[in-house]
Amino acid sequence: MRRDEVERKTGFKRAHIYNLMKEGKFPQAKRIGLRAVGWDSLEIEQWINERLAQQA
């Protein structure tokens, strides 16, 4: 999942996503090319579901 997809799915912008990653509060991006990173879509879905469960 590329960054723009992650932004749409979470509602977060780039800087916030990278800050959360740095704090260990968001799934880490994985290098998928020389100048490209992506996220595992299952990890993002799981992260969202955990957030929703915490709010319930």
N, C-alpha and C. Protein backbone atom coordinates (compact mmCIF):
# COMPACT_ATOMS: atom_id res chain seq x y z
N MET A 1 0.86 -1.16 0.00
CA MET A 1 0.00 0.00 0.00
C MET A 1 0.91 1.23 0.00
N ARG A 2 0.72 2.11 -0.95
CA ARG A 2 1.56 3.30 -1.05
C ARG A 2 1.06 4.38 -0.09
N ARG A 3 1.89 5.42 0.11
CA ARG A 3 1.59 6.43 1.11
C ARG A 3 0.25 7.13 0.87
N ASP A 4 -0.06 7.46 -0.37
CA ASP A 4 -1.32 8.15 -0.62
C ASP A 4 -2.52 7.29 -0.23
N GLU A 5 -2.41 5.98 -0.41
CA GLU A 5 -3.48 5.07 0.01
C GLU A 5 -3.58 5.03 1.54
N VAL A 6 -2.43 5.00 2.20
CA VAL A 6 -2.41 4.99 3.67
C VAL A 6 -3.02 6.28 4.20
N GLU A 7 -2.70 7.41 3.58
CA GLU A 7 -3.27 8.69 3.99
C GLU A 7 -4.79 8.67 3.85
N ARG A 8 -5.29 8.16 2.74
CA ARG A 8 -6.75 8.10 2.53
C ARG A 8 -7.40 7.17 3.55
N LYS A 9 -6.78 6.03 3.79
CA LYS A 9 -7.35 5.02 4.68
C LYS A 9 -7.39 5.50 6.14
N THR A 10 -6.33 6.19 6.58
CA THR A 10 -6.24 6.61 7.98
C THR A 10 -6.75 8.02 8.22
N GLY A 11 -6.73 8.86 7.19
CA GLY A 11 -7.08 10.27 7.37
C GLY A 11 -5.92 11.10 7.87
N PHE A 12 -4.73 10.49 7.97
CA PHE A 12 -3.53 11.19 8.44
C PHE A 12 -2.70 11.67 7.26
N LYS A 13 -1.97 12.75 7.46
CA LYS A 13 -1.05 13.25 6.45
C LYS A 13 0.33 12.63 6.67
N ARG A 14 1.20 12.83 5.68
CA ARG A 14 2.53 12.23 5.66
C ARG A 14 3.31 12.47 6.95
N ALA A 15 3.39 13.71 7.38
CA ALA A 15 4.21 14.04 8.56
C ALA A 15 3.71 13.31 9.80
N HIS A 16 2.40 13.23 9.97
CA HIS A 16 1.84 12.57 11.15
C HIS A 16 2.11 11.06 11.10
N ILE A 17 1.99 10.47 9.92
CA ILE A 17 2.27 9.04 9.77
C ILE A 17 3.72 8.75 10.14
N TYR A 18 4.65 9.56 9.64
CA TYR A 18 6.06 9.32 9.93
C TYR A 18 6.39 9.60 11.40
N ASN A 19 5.73 10.57 12.02
CA ASN A 19 5.93 10.80 13.45
C ASN A 19 5.45 9.61 14.27
N LEU A 20 4.29 9.07 13.92
CA LEU A 20 3.78 7.88 14.62
C LEU A 20 4.71 6.69 14.43
N MET A 21 5.25 6.53 13.22
CA MET A 21 6.21 5.43 12.97
C MET A 21 7.44 5.60 13.85
N LYS A 22 7.93 6.82 13.96
CA LYS A 22 9.12 7.09 14.76
C LYS A 22 8.87 6.76 16.23
N GLU A 23 7.63 6.99 16.70
CA GLU A 23 7.27 6.71 18.09
C GLU A 23 6.90 5.24 18.30
N GLY A 24 6.90 4.45 17.24
CA GLY A 24 6.54 3.04 17.35
C GLY A 24 5.05 2.82 17.48
N LYS A 25 4.24 3.79 17.05
CA LYS A 25 2.79 3.71 17.20
C LYS A 25 2.06 3.46 15.89
N PHE A 26 2.81 3.15 14.83
CA PHE A 26 2.22 2.93 13.52
C PHE A 26 3.09 1.90 12.80
N PRO A 27 2.48 1.04 11.98
CA PRO A 27 3.28 0.04 11.25
C PRO A 27 4.41 0.69 10.44
N GLN A 28 5.55 0.04 10.43
CA GLN A 28 6.70 0.56 9.71
C GLN A 28 6.55 0.34 8.20
N ALA A 29 7.01 1.32 7.44
CA ALA A 29 7.02 1.20 5.99
C ALA A 29 8.14 0.24 5.59
N LYS A 30 7.94 -0.40 4.47
CA LYS A 30 8.95 -1.33 3.94
C LYS A 30 9.42 -0.81 2.59
N ARG A 31 10.71 -0.92 2.35
CA ARG A 31 11.26 -0.46 1.07
C ARG A 31 10.81 -1.42 -0.03
N ILE A 32 10.25 -0.84 -1.11
CA ILE A 32 9.78 -1.66 -2.23
C ILE A 32 10.50 -1.30 -3.52
N GLY A 33 11.47 -0.42 -3.42
CA GLY A 33 12.26 -0.01 -4.58
C GLY A 33 13.35 0.93 -4.11
N LEU A 34 14.13 1.44 -5.05
CA LEU A 34 15.22 2.34 -4.67
C LEU A 34 14.70 3.61 -3.99
N ARG A 35 13.61 4.16 -4.50
CA ARG A 35 13.08 5.41 -3.96
C ARG A 35 11.63 5.28 -3.54
N ALA A 36 11.18 4.07 -3.23
CA ALA A 36 9.77 3.86 -2.91
C ALA A 36 9.63 3.02 -1.65
N VAL A 37 8.63 3.38 -0.86
CA VAL A 37 8.28 2.59 0.32
C VAL A 37 6.79 2.29 0.26
N GLY A 38 6.40 1.27 1.00
CA GLY A 38 4.99 0.90 1.06
C GLY A 38 4.70 0.23 2.39
N TRP A 39 3.43 0.06 2.67
CA TRP A 39 3.00 -0.58 3.90
C TRP A 39 2.22 -1.83 3.55
N ASP A 40 2.27 -2.81 4.42
CA ASP A 40 1.48 -4.02 4.27
C ASP A 40 0.02 -3.66 4.56
N SER A 41 -0.86 -3.92 3.62
CA SER A 41 -2.26 -3.52 3.79
C SER A 41 -2.91 -4.23 4.98
N LEU A 42 -2.51 -5.47 5.25
CA LEU A 42 -3.06 -6.18 6.40
C LEU A 42 -2.63 -5.54 7.72
N GLU A 43 -1.38 -5.08 7.79
CA GLU A 43 -0.91 -4.40 8.99
C GLU A 43 -1.68 -3.10 9.22
N ILE A 44 -1.96 -2.37 8.15
CA ILE A 44 -2.71 -1.12 8.27
C ILE A 44 -4.13 -1.40 8.73
N GLU A 45 -4.78 -2.41 8.13
CA GLU A 45 -6.14 -2.78 8.54
C GLU A 45 -6.18 -3.19 10.01
N GLN A 46 -5.20 -3.98 10.43
CA GLN A 46 -5.14 -4.42 11.82
C GLN A 46 -4.94 -3.22 12.74
N TRP A 47 -4.08 -2.29 12.37
CA TRP A 47 -3.82 -1.10 13.17
C TRP A 47 -5.12 -0.29 13.32
N ILE A 48 -5.86 -0.11 12.23
CA ILE A 48 -7.12 0.63 12.27
C ILE A 48 -8.12 -0.08 13.18
N ASN A 49 -8.24 -1.40 13.04
CA ASN A 49 -9.18 -2.17 13.87
C ASN A 49 -8.83 -2.08 15.34
N GLU A 50 -7.53 -2.10 15.67
CA GLU A 50 -7.11 -1.96 17.06
C GLU A 50 -7.50 -0.60 17.61
N ARG A 51 -7.32 0.44 16.80
CA ARG A 51 -7.71 1.79 17.22
C ARG A 51 -9.21 1.87 17.48
N LEU A 52 -10.00 1.28 16.59
CA LEU A 52 -11.46 1.29 16.76
C LEU A 52 -11.86 0.53 18.02
N ALA A 53 -11.20 -0.59 18.29
CA ALA A 53 -11.51 -1.38 19.48
C ALA A 53 -11.18 -0.61 20.76
N GLN A 54 -10.12 0.19 20.73
CA GLN A 54 -9.74 0.99 21.91
C GLN A 54 -10.77 2.06 22.20
N GLN A 55 -11.43 2.57 21.15
CA GLN A 55 -12.42 3.63 21.33
C GLN A 55 -13.75 3.10 21.83
N ALA A 56 -14.00 1.81 21.64
CA ALA A 56 -15.29 1.23 22.03
C ALA A 56 -15.39 1.05 23.53
